[in-house]
Each structure stands twice: as structure tokens, then as C-alpha cells.
Amino acid sequence: MYKCLMFFLLFIGLQVQADYRVYLLQITNTQTNEVRTVRSTLDHIQYPMMQPLRQHEKIETMDSWRCRGNTSHYRLLCPRY
């Protein structure tokens, strides 16, 4: 029974795949109307916590998509298809 359980757990462990979500964010300066877009794995709520916005800037999510794999070791984010 123990061997069957170990085999089952090993089989399930091999089937697990990671994925992540990419967000296309638009940051707008409300005074100058300057607009920039950023691709990030952080959403519009998390992004300002890690990359503070300047005064008079607002952020919104323009698009998002799911990617397979991971972004460790500074790998590039997957493109939108």
C-alpha cells in the first residue's frame, strides 16, 4: 500500500506545471497627459507597492493573459498571442 501511495504522489508531482499571469498596465500622468505602458506580473494594485508611482499618476489594467512556466532567473515574460 505504501509503495502505491508513493508512486501515486510521484506521478501527480510530475504532472504539476507552473503558470503566471502577465498584466499590461497603463500609467497616466493626469497633469501632463503623458502615458506609458508596462508589462508586469504585478497587477494594478500590487505594482504601486513595488514601483511607487509619481504624484498625479494613475494606473489601470489594459489587458492580462496567462503564461505557462515561470519567470525565475529574470526570464522574459511571454508575449500576448
Protein backbone atom coordinates (compact mmCIF):
# COMPACT_ATOMS: atom_id res chain seq x y z
CA MET A 1 0.00 0.00 0.00
CA TYR A 2 2.85 2.36 0.91
CA LYS A 3 4.53 1.80 -2.49
CA CYS A 4 1.29 2.50 -4.33
CA LEU A 5 0.81 5.74 -2.42
CA MET A 6 4.40 6.84 -3.11
CA PHE A 7 4.03 6.01 -6.81
CA PHE A 8 0.76 7.97 -6.98
CA LEU A 9 2.30 11.02 -5.27
CA LEU A 10 5.33 10.89 -7.56
CA PHE A 11 3.10 10.60 -10.64
CA ILE A 12 0.96 13.56 -9.54
CA GLY A 13 4.09 15.59 -8.75
CA LEU A 14 5.42 15.07 -12.27
CA GLN A 15 2.16 16.35 -13.78
CA VAL A 16 2.20 19.70 -11.94
CA GLN A 17 3.07 22.72 -14.08
CA ALA A 18 3.51 26.31 -13.02
CA ASP A 19 1.95 29.28 -14.72
CA TYR A 20 1.72 33.01 -14.15
CA ARG A 21 -0.30 35.99 -15.33
CA VAL A 22 1.07 38.98 -17.23
CA TYR A 23 -0.62 42.37 -16.95
CA LEU A 24 -0.41 45.20 -19.44
CA LEU A 25 -0.64 48.31 -17.30
CA GLN A 26 -1.19 51.87 -18.46
CA ILE A 27 0.21 54.64 -16.27
CA THR A 28 -1.10 58.12 -16.99
CA ASN A 29 0.10 61.42 -15.59
CA THR A 30 -3.10 63.40 -15.08
CA GLN A 31 -1.34 66.79 -15.31
CA THR A 32 0.77 66.29 -18.45
CA ASN A 33 -1.33 63.52 -20.07
CA GLU A 34 1.89 61.54 -20.56
CA VAL A 35 1.08 57.84 -20.96
CA ARG A 36 3.37 54.84 -20.59
CA THR A 37 2.65 51.13 -20.72
CA VAL A 38 4.30 48.46 -18.62
CA ARG A 39 4.16 44.67 -18.83
CA SER A 40 4.42 43.10 -15.40
CA THR A 41 3.47 40.07 -13.34
CA LEU A 42 2.09 42.52 -10.77
CA ASP A 43 -1.47 43.77 -11.12
CA HIS A 44 -2.60 47.39 -10.83
CA ILE A 45 -2.86 47.08 -7.05
CA GLN A 46 0.48 45.34 -6.41
CA TYR A 47 2.57 47.34 -8.91
CA PRO A 48 2.49 50.68 -6.99
CA MET A 49 3.58 48.86 -3.84
CA MET A 50 6.78 47.66 -5.55
CA GLN A 51 7.32 50.55 -8.01
CA PRO A 52 5.89 53.72 -6.43
CA LEU A 53 4.09 56.00 -8.85
CA ARG A 54 4.86 59.69 -9.14
CA GLN A 55 2.44 62.25 -7.84
CA HIS A 56 -0.51 62.79 -10.23
CA GLU A 57 -0.12 59.35 -11.85
CA LYS A 58 -2.91 56.83 -12.08
CA ILE A 59 -2.66 53.20 -13.11
CA GLU A 60 -5.11 50.88 -14.82
CA THR A 61 -5.04 47.39 -16.29
CA MET A 62 -5.42 47.34 -20.07
CA ASP A 63 -5.07 43.59 -20.65
CA SER A 64 -3.92 40.38 -18.99
CA TRP A 65 -3.05 36.88 -20.14
CA ARG A 66 -1.83 33.59 -18.71
CA CYS A 67 1.59 32.14 -19.47
CA ARG A 68 2.97 28.69 -18.78
CA GLY A 69 6.27 28.23 -17.00
CA ASN A 70 7.96 30.57 -14.55
CA THR A 71 9.88 33.84 -14.54
CA SER A 72 12.76 32.85 -12.30
CA HIS A 73 16.29 33.93 -13.20
CA TYR A 74 14.94 37.07 -14.98
CA ARG A 75 13.36 35.21 -17.88
CA LEU A 76 11.35 37.31 -20.31
CA LEU A 77 7.59 37.47 -19.92
CA CYS A 78 5.65 35.62 -22.57
CA PRO A 79 4.06 37.67 -25.37
CA ARG A 80 0.32 38.07 -25.91
CA TYR A 81 -0.93 35.81 -28.71
